[in-house]
Amino acid sequence: MNAQRQLSILPLEYRTPDRWGEQVLRHPLELLSDHAYLEKKAASNALELMNRWPEPSCPEAWVATLAAVARDETAHLYSVAWLLSQRGGKLARLHKNPYACDLRRLVRKGAGLLELLDRLLVSSLIEVRSCERFEVLSRVCQDAELAQFYRSLWGSEFGHYTVFWQLARDIVPERVVEHRWKQLVQAEGSIIASQPAGPRMHSGCE
């Protein structure tokens, strides 16, 4: 799938300009450190969602699906950490992700199934935004190894985006999912556009 086609199928309100990729790649080690923490958080999120099934008896498919996502994210974490180490970098001691924090404020806490729906759709949104950002990085990066690495993540992140969306459809009617998805996609566009600039996967532009 070519880059134009890749970007066109992603349901995003805000499209990341190439200049974002050019800016963050000026500090590749800081970007890799941020990326590693995001993979760690993604793995933890998938494992935590395993306990959120709304019925007393959790279906095997729910567990297997989320365990597979956590496995993928852990493998990504290993790859990012290895690249960072090989290039002489280290993980930062502290890490903040204001983009994800802003998205999670949209979750309707204490609303039962609607809270779980929001958590799944926010997870899906983070994956699809990461998917778009990896495509931008793979295209503008002048470092062949890094460009190939970012390119290799596209398929997995796209798969995770669709997995979380499908899990949402397993717990509430599709029309409810689609309505809430449209609301969250619109909100995400404003959130990502307002992020401060910096060498982070979910930063804004200068």
N, C-alpha and C. Protein backbone atom coordinates (compact mmCIF):
# COMPACT_ATOMS: atom_id res chain seq x y z
N MET A 1 0.85 -1.19 0.00
CA MET A 1 0.00 0.00 0.00
C MET A 1 0.89 1.24 0.00
N ASN A 2 0.68 2.18 -0.94
CA ASN A 2 1.53 3.35 -1.01
C ASN A 2 1.15 4.36 0.08
N ALA A 3 2.03 5.37 0.26
CA ALA A 3 1.85 6.32 1.36
C ALA A 3 0.55 7.10 1.23
N GLN A 4 0.22 7.51 0.02
CA GLN A 4 -1.01 8.28 -0.18
C GLN A 4 -2.23 7.48 0.22
N ARG A 5 -2.26 6.21 -0.17
CA ARG A 5 -3.37 5.34 0.18
C ARG A 5 -3.42 5.09 1.68
N GLN A 6 -2.25 4.88 2.29
CA GLN A 6 -2.19 4.66 3.72
C GLN A 6 -2.84 5.80 4.49
N LEU A 7 -2.45 7.02 4.16
CA LEU A 7 -2.97 8.17 4.88
C LEU A 7 -4.45 8.38 4.63
N SER A 8 -4.90 8.10 3.43
CA SER A 8 -6.29 8.38 3.07
C SER A 8 -7.28 7.50 3.81
N ILE A 9 -6.87 6.31 4.25
CA ILE A 9 -7.80 5.41 4.92
C ILE A 9 -7.86 5.61 6.43
N LEU A 10 -7.03 6.51 6.96
CA LEU A 10 -7.03 6.74 8.39
C LEU A 10 -8.08 7.78 8.76
N PRO A 11 -8.98 7.45 9.68
CA PRO A 11 -10.10 8.36 10.02
C PRO A 11 -9.66 9.45 10.99
N LEU A 12 -8.97 10.46 10.48
CA LEU A 12 -8.45 11.52 11.33
C LEU A 12 -8.93 12.88 10.83
N GLU A 13 -9.22 13.76 11.78
CA GLU A 13 -9.63 15.12 11.43
C GLU A 13 -8.41 15.99 11.10
N TYR A 14 -7.35 15.82 11.86
CA TYR A 14 -6.13 16.61 11.69
C TYR A 14 -5.07 15.74 11.01
N ARG A 15 -4.46 16.26 9.96
CA ARG A 15 -3.41 15.54 9.25
C ARG A 15 -2.04 16.12 9.60
N THR A 16 -1.15 15.28 10.05
CA THR A 16 0.17 15.72 10.47
C THR A 16 0.99 16.17 9.27
N PRO A 17 1.50 17.40 9.28
CA PRO A 17 2.34 17.86 8.17
C PRO A 17 3.74 17.24 8.23
N ASP A 18 4.39 17.16 7.09
CA ASP A 18 5.74 16.60 7.04
C ASP A 18 6.71 17.36 7.93
N ARG A 19 6.47 18.65 8.11
CA ARG A 19 7.42 19.44 8.91
C ARG A 19 7.47 18.95 10.35
N TRP A 20 6.37 18.33 10.83
CA TRP A 20 6.42 17.74 12.18
C TRP A 20 7.51 16.67 12.23
N GLY A 21 7.51 15.78 11.24
CA GLY A 21 8.52 14.73 11.21
C GLY A 21 9.92 15.28 11.11
N GLU A 22 10.11 16.29 10.31
CA GLU A 22 11.43 16.91 10.16
C GLU A 22 11.90 17.52 11.47
N GLN A 23 10.96 18.11 12.22
CA GLN A 23 11.32 18.74 13.49
C GLN A 23 11.70 17.71 14.55
N VAL A 24 10.89 16.67 14.73
CA VAL A 24 11.16 15.71 15.81
C VAL A 24 12.39 14.86 15.51
N LEU A 25 12.70 14.66 14.24
CA LEU A 25 13.86 13.84 13.88
C LEU A 25 15.18 14.58 14.07
N ARG A 26 15.12 15.85 14.45
CA ARG A 26 16.35 16.56 14.80
C ARG A 26 16.90 16.03 16.12
N HIS A 27 16.05 15.35 16.88
CA HIS A 27 16.46 14.79 18.18
C HIS A 27 16.03 13.32 18.23
N PRO A 28 16.66 12.47 17.43
CA PRO A 28 16.20 11.08 17.29
C PRO A 28 16.25 10.26 18.57
N LEU A 29 17.23 10.52 19.45
CA LEU A 29 17.32 9.73 20.68
C LEU A 29 16.19 10.07 21.63
N GLU A 30 15.86 11.35 21.74
CA GLU A 30 14.75 11.76 22.59
C GLU A 30 13.43 11.19 22.03
N LEU A 31 13.31 11.18 20.72
CA LEU A 31 12.11 10.63 20.10
C LEU A 31 11.99 9.14 20.37
N LEU A 32 13.08 8.42 20.29
CA LEU A 32 13.07 6.98 20.56
C LEU A 32 12.73 6.71 22.03
N SER A 33 13.25 7.52 22.93
CA SER A 33 12.94 7.34 24.35
C SER A 33 11.45 7.53 24.60
N ASP A 34 10.87 8.58 24.03
CA ASP A 34 9.44 8.81 24.15
C ASP A 34 8.65 7.64 23.56
N HIS A 35 9.09 7.18 22.40
CA HIS A 35 8.43 6.07 21.72
C HIS A 35 8.44 4.81 22.60
N ALA A 36 9.55 4.55 23.26
CA ALA A 36 9.65 3.36 24.11
C ALA A 36 8.61 3.41 25.23
N TYR A 37 8.47 4.56 25.85
CA TYR A 37 7.48 4.69 26.92
C TYR A 37 6.06 4.50 26.40
N LEU A 38 5.80 4.96 25.18
CA LEU A 38 4.46 4.79 24.61
C LEU A 38 4.16 3.31 24.37
N GLU A 39 5.16 2.56 23.92
CA GLU A 39 4.95 1.12 23.72
C GLU A 39 4.71 0.42 25.06
N LYS A 40 5.45 0.84 26.08
CA LYS A 40 5.26 0.29 27.43
C LYS A 40 3.84 0.55 27.91
N LYS A 41 3.37 1.78 27.73
CA LYS A 41 2.03 2.13 28.17
C LYS A 41 0.98 1.38 27.37
N ALA A 42 1.21 1.20 26.08
CA ALA A 42 0.25 0.47 25.24
C ALA A 42 0.12 -0.98 25.69
N ALA A 43 1.24 -1.60 26.04
CA ALA A 43 1.21 -2.98 26.53
C ALA A 43 0.44 -3.06 27.85
N SER A 44 0.72 -2.12 28.75
CA SER A 44 0.04 -2.10 30.05
C SER A 44 -1.46 -1.87 29.88
N ASN A 45 -1.82 -1.00 28.96
CA ASN A 45 -3.23 -0.70 28.72
C ASN A 45 -3.97 -1.93 28.23
N ALA A 46 -3.38 -2.66 27.30
CA ALA A 46 -4.02 -3.87 26.78
C ALA A 46 -4.22 -4.91 27.89
N LEU A 47 -3.22 -5.07 28.74
CA LEU A 47 -3.34 -6.04 29.84
C LEU A 47 -4.40 -5.60 30.85
N GLU A 48 -4.46 -4.30 31.12
CA GLU A 48 -5.45 -3.81 32.08
C GLU A 48 -6.86 -3.97 31.55
N LEU A 49 -7.05 -3.78 30.24
CA LEU A 49 -8.38 -3.93 29.63
C LEU A 49 -8.89 -5.37 29.70
N MET A 50 -7.99 -6.33 29.87
CA MET A 50 -8.42 -7.72 29.98
C MET A 50 -9.37 -7.91 31.15
N ASN A 51 -9.23 -7.09 32.19
CA ASN A 51 -10.07 -7.23 33.38
C ASN A 51 -11.35 -6.42 33.31
N ARG A 52 -11.58 -5.77 32.17
CA ARG A 52 -12.71 -4.85 32.07
C ARG A 52 -13.94 -5.45 31.39
N TRP A 53 -13.87 -6.72 31.03
CA TRP A 53 -15.03 -7.34 30.40
C TRP A 53 -16.24 -7.18 31.32
N PRO A 54 -17.41 -6.73 30.80
CA PRO A 54 -18.54 -6.38 31.67
C PRO A 54 -19.29 -7.53 32.31
N GLU A 55 -19.06 -8.76 31.89
CA GLU A 55 -19.79 -9.90 32.45
C GLU A 55 -18.89 -10.65 33.44
N PRO A 56 -19.49 -11.44 34.33
CA PRO A 56 -18.68 -12.20 35.31
C PRO A 56 -17.70 -13.16 34.65
N SER A 57 -18.10 -13.78 33.55
CA SER A 57 -17.24 -14.74 32.86
C SER A 57 -16.70 -14.11 31.57
N CYS A 58 -15.40 -13.92 31.52
CA CYS A 58 -14.77 -13.24 30.38
C CYS A 58 -14.56 -14.23 29.22
N PRO A 59 -15.03 -13.87 28.02
CA PRO A 59 -14.85 -14.76 26.87
C PRO A 59 -13.37 -14.98 26.55
N GLU A 60 -13.05 -16.18 26.12
CA GLU A 60 -11.67 -16.51 25.79
C GLU A 60 -11.12 -15.60 24.70
N ALA A 61 -11.97 -15.25 23.72
CA ALA A 61 -11.51 -14.43 22.61
C ALA A 61 -11.09 -13.04 23.08
N TRP A 62 -11.79 -12.49 24.09
CA TRP A 62 -11.44 -11.17 24.63
C TRP A 62 -10.03 -11.21 25.22
N VAL A 63 -9.77 -12.22 26.02
CA VAL A 63 -8.46 -12.37 26.65
C VAL A 63 -7.38 -12.59 25.59
N ALA A 64 -7.65 -13.49 24.67
CA ALA A 64 -6.64 -13.82 23.65
C ALA A 64 -6.30 -12.61 22.78
N THR A 65 -7.32 -11.83 22.43
CA THR A 65 -7.11 -10.67 21.57
C THR A 65 -6.24 -9.62 22.27
N LEU A 66 -6.59 -9.29 23.50
CA LEU A 66 -5.84 -8.27 24.23
C LEU A 66 -4.45 -8.76 24.61
N ALA A 67 -4.32 -10.06 24.89
CA ALA A 67 -2.99 -10.61 25.17
C ALA A 67 -2.10 -10.50 23.94
N ALA A 68 -2.68 -10.70 22.76
CA ALA A 68 -1.91 -10.58 21.51
C ALA A 68 -1.47 -9.15 21.27
N VAL A 69 -2.34 -8.19 21.57
CA VAL A 69 -1.96 -6.78 21.44
C VAL A 69 -0.81 -6.45 22.40
N ALA A 70 -0.93 -6.90 23.65
CA ALA A 70 0.11 -6.65 24.64
C ALA A 70 1.44 -7.28 24.21
N ARG A 71 1.37 -8.45 23.62
CA ARG A 71 2.58 -9.12 23.13
C ARG A 71 3.24 -8.30 22.02
N ASP A 72 2.43 -7.80 21.09
CA ASP A 72 2.97 -6.98 20.00
C ASP A 72 3.63 -5.71 20.54
N GLU A 73 2.95 -5.06 21.48
CA GLU A 73 3.48 -3.80 22.01
C GLU A 73 4.77 -4.05 22.80
N THR A 74 4.84 -5.18 23.49
CA THR A 74 6.06 -5.52 24.23
C THR A 74 7.22 -5.77 23.26
N ALA A 75 6.93 -6.43 22.15
CA ALA A 75 7.95 -6.65 21.12
C ALA A 75 8.43 -5.32 20.54
N HIS A 76 7.50 -4.40 20.34
CA HIS A 76 7.87 -3.07 19.84
C HIS A 76 8.76 -2.35 20.86
N LEU A 77 8.39 -2.46 22.13
CA LEU A 77 9.19 -1.85 23.18
C LEU A 77 10.62 -2.37 23.14
N TYR A 78 10.78 -3.67 23.00
CA TYR A 78 12.11 -4.25 22.93
C TYR A 78 12.89 -3.68 21.75
N SER A 79 12.23 -3.58 20.60
CA SER A 79 12.90 -3.08 19.39
C SER A 79 13.33 -1.63 19.54
N VAL A 80 12.44 -0.81 20.11
CA VAL A 80 12.77 0.60 20.30
C VAL A 80 13.90 0.75 21.31
N ALA A 81 13.82 0.03 22.41
CA ALA A 81 14.86 0.11 23.44
C ALA A 81 16.21 -0.35 22.88
N TRP A 82 16.19 -1.37 22.03
CA TRP A 82 17.43 -1.85 21.41
C TRP A 82 18.03 -0.78 20.51
N LEU A 83 17.21 -0.18 19.68
CA LEU A 83 17.69 0.89 18.80
C LEU A 83 18.27 2.04 19.61
N LEU A 84 17.58 2.41 20.64
CA LEU A 84 18.03 3.51 21.49
C LEU A 84 19.39 3.19 22.10
N SER A 85 19.54 1.99 22.62
CA SER A 85 20.80 1.58 23.23
C SER A 85 21.92 1.52 22.20
N GLN A 86 21.65 0.96 21.03
CA GLN A 86 22.67 0.85 19.99
C GLN A 86 23.18 2.21 19.53
N ARG A 87 22.35 3.21 19.67
CA ARG A 87 22.72 4.55 19.22
C ARG A 87 23.26 5.41 20.36
N GLY A 88 23.48 4.81 21.50
CA GLY A 88 24.08 5.53 22.61
C GLY A 88 23.11 6.30 23.47
N GLY A 89 21.83 6.05 23.32
CA GLY A 89 20.82 6.77 24.10
C GLY A 89 20.36 5.97 25.30
N LYS A 90 19.63 6.64 26.18
CA LYS A 90 19.07 6.01 27.36
C LYS A 90 17.64 6.49 27.56
N LEU A 91 16.85 5.65 28.20
CA LEU A 91 15.48 6.05 28.53
C LEU A 91 15.50 7.20 29.52
N ALA A 92 14.68 8.20 29.26
CA ALA A 92 14.55 9.29 30.21
C ALA A 92 13.96 8.77 31.52
N ARG A 93 14.34 9.37 32.64
CA ARG A 93 13.84 8.91 33.94
C ARG A 93 12.35 9.20 34.10
N LEU A 94 11.93 10.33 33.58
CA LEU A 94 10.53 10.73 33.70
C LEU A 94 9.90 10.83 32.32
N HIS A 95 8.62 10.56 32.25
CA HIS A 95 7.93 10.64 30.96
C HIS A 95 6.51 11.13 31.16
N LYS A 96 6.12 12.07 30.31
CA LYS A 96 4.76 12.58 30.33
C LYS A 96 4.20 12.52 28.91
N ASN A 97 2.90 12.26 28.82
CA ASN A 97 2.22 12.23 27.52
C ASN A 97 0.93 13.03 27.64
N PRO A 98 1.04 14.37 27.52
CA PRO A 98 -0.16 15.20 27.68
C PRO A 98 -1.25 14.89 26.66
N TYR A 99 -0.85 14.43 25.47
CA TYR A 99 -1.83 14.06 24.44
C TYR A 99 -2.74 12.94 24.95
N ALA A 100 -2.15 11.86 25.45
CA ALA A 100 -2.94 10.73 25.95
C ALA A 100 -3.75 11.14 27.17
N CYS A 101 -3.17 11.98 28.04
CA CYS A 101 -3.90 12.44 29.22
C CYS A 101 -5.14 13.23 28.82
N ASP A 102 -4.98 14.10 27.82
CA ASP A 102 -6.12 14.88 27.35
C ASP A 102 -7.21 13.98 26.76
N LEU A 103 -6.79 12.95 26.01
CA LEU A 103 -7.77 12.02 25.45
C LEU A 103 -8.50 11.26 26.55
N ARG A 104 -7.79 10.84 27.55
CA ARG A 104 -8.41 10.03 28.60
C ARG A 104 -9.37 10.85 29.46
N ARG A 105 -9.24 12.16 29.43
CA ARG A 105 -10.22 12.99 30.14
C ARG A 105 -11.60 12.92 29.48
N LEU A 106 -11.64 12.45 28.24
CA LEU A 106 -12.92 12.32 27.54
C LEU A 106 -13.67 11.05 27.93
N VAL A 107 -13.01 10.15 28.62
CA VAL A 107 -13.64 8.89 29.03
C VAL A 107 -14.71 9.18 30.09
N ARG A 108 -15.89 8.61 29.88
CA ARG A 108 -17.01 8.82 30.81
C ARG A 108 -16.89 7.86 31.98
N LYS A 109 -16.10 8.26 32.96
CA LYS A 109 -15.81 7.40 34.10
C LYS A 109 -17.06 7.14 34.93
N GLY A 110 -17.19 5.90 35.39
CA GLY A 110 -18.33 5.52 36.21
C GLY A 110 -19.60 5.27 35.43
N ALA A 111 -19.49 5.22 34.08
CA ALA A 111 -20.68 5.05 33.24
C ALA A 111 -20.84 3.62 32.74
N GLY A 112 -20.23 2.66 33.42
CA GLY A 112 -20.42 1.25 33.04
C GLY A 112 -19.90 0.94 31.66
N LEU A 113 -20.77 0.39 30.82
CA LEU A 113 -20.38 0.00 29.47
C LEU A 113 -19.87 1.19 28.65
N LEU A 114 -20.41 2.37 28.90
CA LEU A 114 -19.99 3.54 28.15
C LEU A 114 -18.56 3.95 28.50
N GLU A 115 -18.18 3.72 29.74
CA GLU A 115 -16.79 3.97 30.12
C GLU A 115 -15.85 3.01 29.38
N LEU A 116 -16.23 1.73 29.35
CA LEU A 116 -15.41 0.75 28.63
C LEU A 116 -15.37 1.06 27.14
N LEU A 117 -16.51 1.46 26.58
CA LEU A 117 -16.54 1.86 25.18
C LEU A 117 -15.55 2.98 24.91
N ASP A 118 -15.57 4.01 25.75
CA ASP A 118 -14.66 5.14 25.57
C ASP A 118 -13.20 4.72 25.69
N ARG A 119 -12.92 3.85 26.62
CA ARG A 119 -11.53 3.39 26.79
C ARG A 119 -11.06 2.64 25.56
N LEU A 120 -11.90 1.82 25.01
CA LEU A 120 -11.53 1.08 23.80
C LEU A 120 -11.33 2.03 22.61
N LEU A 121 -12.23 3.01 22.47
CA LEU A 121 -12.13 3.92 21.34
C LEU A 121 -10.96 4.89 21.49
N VAL A 122 -10.65 5.31 22.70
CA VAL A 122 -9.47 6.14 22.91
C VAL A 122 -8.21 5.34 22.58
N SER A 123 -8.19 4.08 22.98
CA SER A 123 -7.05 3.21 22.62
C SER A 123 -6.93 3.10 21.11
N SER A 124 -8.05 2.95 20.43
CA SER A 124 -8.06 2.85 18.98
C SER A 124 -7.54 4.14 18.34
N LEU A 125 -7.96 5.28 18.89
CA LEU A 125 -7.53 6.58 18.36
C LEU A 125 -6.03 6.78 18.52
N ILE A 126 -5.49 6.40 19.66
CA ILE A 126 -4.04 6.54 19.87
C ILE A 126 -3.28 5.68 18.87
N GLU A 127 -3.79 4.49 18.60
CA GLU A 127 -3.14 3.61 17.63
C GLU A 127 -3.18 4.20 16.22
N VAL A 128 -4.32 4.75 15.83
CA VAL A 128 -4.43 5.27 14.47
C VAL A 128 -3.60 6.53 14.30
N ARG A 129 -3.48 7.35 15.36
CA ARG A 129 -2.60 8.52 15.28
C ARG A 129 -1.14 8.09 15.19
N SER A 130 -0.76 7.09 15.97
CA SER A 130 0.60 6.58 15.90
C SER A 130 0.90 6.03 14.51
N CYS A 131 -0.08 5.34 13.96
CA CYS A 131 0.03 4.79 12.62
C CYS A 131 0.36 5.90 11.61
N GLU A 132 -0.38 6.99 11.70
CA GLU A 132 -0.14 8.12 10.79
C GLU A 132 1.24 8.72 11.01
N ARG A 133 1.64 8.86 12.26
CA ARG A 133 2.93 9.46 12.57
C ARG A 133 4.09 8.58 12.08
N PHE A 134 3.95 7.27 12.20
CA PHE A 134 4.98 6.38 11.69
C PHE A 134 5.14 6.52 10.18
N GLU A 135 4.02 6.70 9.49
CA GLU A 135 4.10 6.87 8.03
C GLU A 135 4.85 8.14 7.68
N VAL A 136 4.56 9.23 8.38
CA VAL A 136 5.25 10.49 8.14
C VAL A 136 6.74 10.33 8.41
N LEU A 137 7.08 9.73 9.55
CA LEU A 137 8.49 9.55 9.91
C LEU A 137 9.22 8.68 8.89
N SER A 138 8.59 7.61 8.44
CA SER A 138 9.25 6.70 7.49
C SER A 138 9.53 7.40 6.17
N ARG A 139 8.73 8.40 5.85
CA ARG A 139 8.87 9.08 4.56
C ARG A 139 9.88 10.22 4.59
N VAL A 140 9.97 10.93 5.72
CA VAL A 140 10.85 12.10 5.77
C VAL A 140 12.21 11.80 6.40
N CYS A 141 12.33 10.65 7.07
CA CYS A 141 13.59 10.32 7.76
C CYS A 141 14.70 10.03 6.76
N GLN A 142 15.86 10.65 6.98
CA GLN A 142 17.02 10.45 6.11
C GLN A 142 17.90 9.29 6.57
N ASP A 143 17.63 8.78 7.75
CA ASP A 143 18.36 7.63 8.29
C ASP A 143 17.65 6.37 7.81
N ALA A 144 18.31 5.58 6.97
CA ALA A 144 17.67 4.42 6.34
C ALA A 144 17.17 3.40 7.36
N GLU A 145 17.97 3.16 8.40
CA GLU A 145 17.57 2.17 9.41
C GLU A 145 16.32 2.63 10.16
N LEU A 146 16.31 3.89 10.58
CA LEU A 146 15.15 4.40 11.29
C LEU A 146 13.92 4.46 10.39
N ALA A 147 14.12 4.88 9.14
CA ALA A 147 13.00 4.96 8.20
C ALA A 147 12.35 3.59 8.02
N GLN A 148 13.17 2.57 7.88
CA GLN A 148 12.64 1.22 7.71
C GLN A 148 11.95 0.74 8.98
N PHE A 149 12.49 1.09 10.12
CA PHE A 149 11.88 0.70 11.38
C PHE A 149 10.48 1.30 11.51
N TYR A 150 10.36 2.59 11.25
CA TYR A 150 9.05 3.23 11.35
C TYR A 150 8.09 2.65 10.32
N ARG A 151 8.59 2.34 9.15
CA ARG A 151 7.75 1.76 8.10
C ARG A 151 7.22 0.40 8.53
N SER A 152 8.05 -0.35 9.24
CA SER A 152 7.67 -1.71 9.64
C SER A 152 6.56 -1.73 10.68
N LEU A 153 6.34 -0.61 11.37
CA LEU A 153 5.33 -0.56 12.43
C LEU A 153 3.94 -0.27 11.91
N TRP A 154 3.84 0.18 10.67
CA TRP A 154 2.54 0.58 10.12
C TRP A 154 1.47 -0.50 10.26
N GLY A 155 1.76 -1.69 9.73
CA GLY A 155 0.76 -2.76 9.70
C GLY A 155 0.28 -3.16 11.08
N SER A 156 1.19 -3.24 12.04
CA SER A 156 0.82 -3.65 13.38
C SER A 156 -0.08 -2.60 14.05
N GLU A 157 0.30 -1.33 13.93
CA GLU A 157 -0.50 -0.27 14.54
C GLU A 157 -1.88 -0.17 13.90
N PHE A 158 -1.93 -0.34 12.59
CA PHE A 158 -3.22 -0.32 11.90
C PHE A 158 -4.09 -1.48 12.39
N GLY A 159 -3.47 -2.63 12.58
CA GLY A 159 -4.20 -3.79 13.09
C GLY A 159 -4.75 -3.55 14.47
N HIS A 160 -3.97 -2.90 15.34
CA HIS A 160 -4.43 -2.62 16.70
C HIS A 160 -5.59 -1.63 16.69
N TYR A 161 -5.52 -0.65 15.83
CA TYR A 161 -6.62 0.31 15.69
C TYR A 161 -7.93 -0.42 15.38
N THR A 162 -7.90 -1.34 14.43
CA THR A 162 -9.12 -2.05 14.06
C THR A 162 -9.55 -3.05 15.13
N VAL A 163 -8.60 -3.63 15.85
CA VAL A 163 -8.92 -4.58 16.92
C VAL A 163 -9.72 -3.90 18.03
N PHE A 164 -9.25 -2.75 18.49
CA PHE A 164 -9.96 -2.05 19.55
C PHE A 164 -11.35 -1.62 19.10
N TRP A 165 -11.46 -1.23 17.84
CA TRP A 165 -12.76 -0.82 17.29
C TRP A 165 -13.72 -2.01 17.29
N GLN A 166 -13.22 -3.17 16.89
CA GLN A 166 -14.05 -4.37 16.86
C GLN A 166 -14.46 -4.81 18.27
N LEU A 167 -13.55 -4.69 19.23
CA LEU A 167 -13.89 -5.04 20.61
C LEU A 167 -15.02 -4.14 21.12
N ALA A 168 -14.98 -2.87 20.71
CA ALA A 168 -16.06 -1.96 21.10
C ALA A 168 -17.40 -2.44 20.55
N ARG A 169 -17.39 -2.94 19.34
CA ARG A 169 -18.63 -3.46 18.73
C ARG A 169 -19.11 -4.73 19.41
N ASP A 170 -18.24 -5.40 20.12
CA ASP A 170 -18.64 -6.62 20.83
C ASP A 170 -19.43 -6.32 22.10
N ILE A 171 -19.35 -5.09 22.60
CA ILE A 171 -20.00 -4.81 23.88
C ILE A 171 -21.20 -3.88 23.77
N VAL A 172 -21.29 -3.08 22.69
CA VAL A 172 -22.45 -2.20 22.49
C VAL A 172 -22.84 -2.24 21.01
N PRO A 173 -24.06 -1.82 20.68
CA PRO A 173 -24.48 -1.81 19.27
C PRO A 173 -23.57 -0.94 18.40
N GLU A 174 -23.44 -1.33 17.14
CA GLU A 174 -22.54 -0.63 16.22
C GLU A 174 -22.90 0.84 16.07
N ARG A 175 -24.18 1.17 16.06
CA ARG A 175 -24.59 2.57 15.89
C ARG A 175 -24.10 3.42 17.06
N VAL A 176 -24.03 2.84 18.26
CA VAL A 176 -23.52 3.55 19.43
C VAL A 176 -22.03 3.78 19.29
N VAL A 177 -21.33 2.76 18.80
CA VAL A 177 -19.89 2.88 18.57
C VAL A 177 -19.61 3.98 17.56
N GLU A 178 -20.31 3.97 16.44
CA GLU A 178 -20.06 4.93 15.37
C GLU A 178 -20.34 6.36 15.82
N HIS A 179 -21.40 6.54 16.59
CA HIS A 179 -21.74 7.88 17.07
C HIS A 179 -20.65 8.42 17.99
N ARG A 180 -20.22 7.60 18.94
CA ARG A 180 -19.19 8.05 19.88
C ARG A 180 -17.84 8.21 19.18
N TRP A 181 -17.56 7.35 18.22
CA TRP A 181 -16.31 7.43 17.48
C TRP A 181 -16.18 8.77 16.77
N LYS A 182 -17.25 9.22 16.14
CA LYS A 182 -17.23 10.51 15.44
C LYS A 182 -16.94 11.65 16.40
N GLN A 183 -17.52 11.57 17.58
CA GLN A 183 -17.28 12.62 18.58
C GLN A 183 -15.81 12.62 19.02
N LEU A 184 -15.26 11.45 19.26
CA LEU A 184 -13.89 11.36 19.76
C LEU A 184 -12.87 11.72 18.68
N VAL A 185 -13.14 11.34 17.44
CA VAL A 185 -12.24 11.70 16.35
C VAL A 185 -12.15 13.21 16.21
N GLN A 186 -13.28 13.87 16.31
CA GLN A 186 -13.29 15.33 16.21
C GLN A 186 -12.52 15.95 17.37
N ALA A 187 -12.74 15.45 18.58
CA ALA A 187 -12.03 15.98 19.75
C ALA A 187 -10.53 15.72 19.64
N GLU A 188 -10.16 14.54 19.14
CA GLU A 188 -8.74 14.19 19.01
C GLU A 188 -8.03 15.15 18.06
N GLY A 189 -8.70 15.56 16.99
CA GLY A 189 -8.09 16.47 16.04
C GLY A 189 -7.70 17.78 16.70
N SER A 190 -8.56 18.29 17.57
CA SER A 190 -8.25 19.53 18.29
C SER A 190 -7.14 19.32 19.31
N ILE A 191 -7.16 18.17 19.97
CA ILE A 191 -6.15 17.88 21.00
C ILE A 191 -4.76 17.76 20.39
N ILE A 192 -4.61 17.00 19.32
CA ILE A 192 -3.28 16.81 18.74
C ILE A 192 -2.75 18.11 18.13
N ALA A 193 -3.64 18.91 17.56
CA ALA A 193 -3.22 20.16 16.94
C ALA A 193 -2.74 21.17 17.97
N SER A 194 -3.21 21.05 19.21
CA SER A 194 -2.86 22.02 20.25
C SER A 194 -1.68 21.59 21.11
N GLN A 195 -1.08 20.43 20.82
CA GLN A 195 0.04 19.96 21.63
C GLN A 195 1.28 20.82 21.41
N PRO A 196 2.08 21.03 22.46
CA PRO A 196 3.34 21.77 22.28
C PRO A 196 4.32 20.97 21.44
N ALA A 197 5.21 21.69 20.78
CA ALA A 197 6.22 21.03 19.95
C ALA A 197 7.28 20.35 20.81
N GLY A 198 7.98 19.40 20.24
CA GLY A 198 9.05 18.70 20.95
C GLY A 198 9.28 17.34 20.35
N PRO A 199 10.40 16.67 20.70
CA PRO A 199 10.71 15.34 20.13
C PRO A 199 9.89 14.23 20.77
N ARG A 200 8.58 14.25 20.48
CA ARG A 200 7.67 13.26 21.02
C ARG A 200 6.77 12.75 19.91
N MET A 201 6.32 11.52 20.01
CA MET A 201 5.48 10.94 18.97
C MET A 201 4.16 11.68 18.83
N HIS A 202 3.66 12.25 19.89
CA HIS A 202 2.36 12.91 19.84
C HIS A 202 2.46 14.41 20.11
N SER A 203 3.55 15.01 19.70
CA SER A 203 3.73 16.45 19.89
C SER A 203 3.08 17.23 18.74
N GLY A 204 3.04 18.56 18.93
CA GLY A 204 2.56 19.43 17.88
C GLY A 204 3.73 19.98 17.07
N CYS A 205 3.43 20.92 16.19
CA CYS A 205 4.45 21.54 15.34
C CYS A 205 4.84 22.90 15.88
N GLU A 206 6.04 23.32 15.57
CA GLU A 206 6.49 24.67 15.93
C GLU A 206 5.76 25.69 15.06
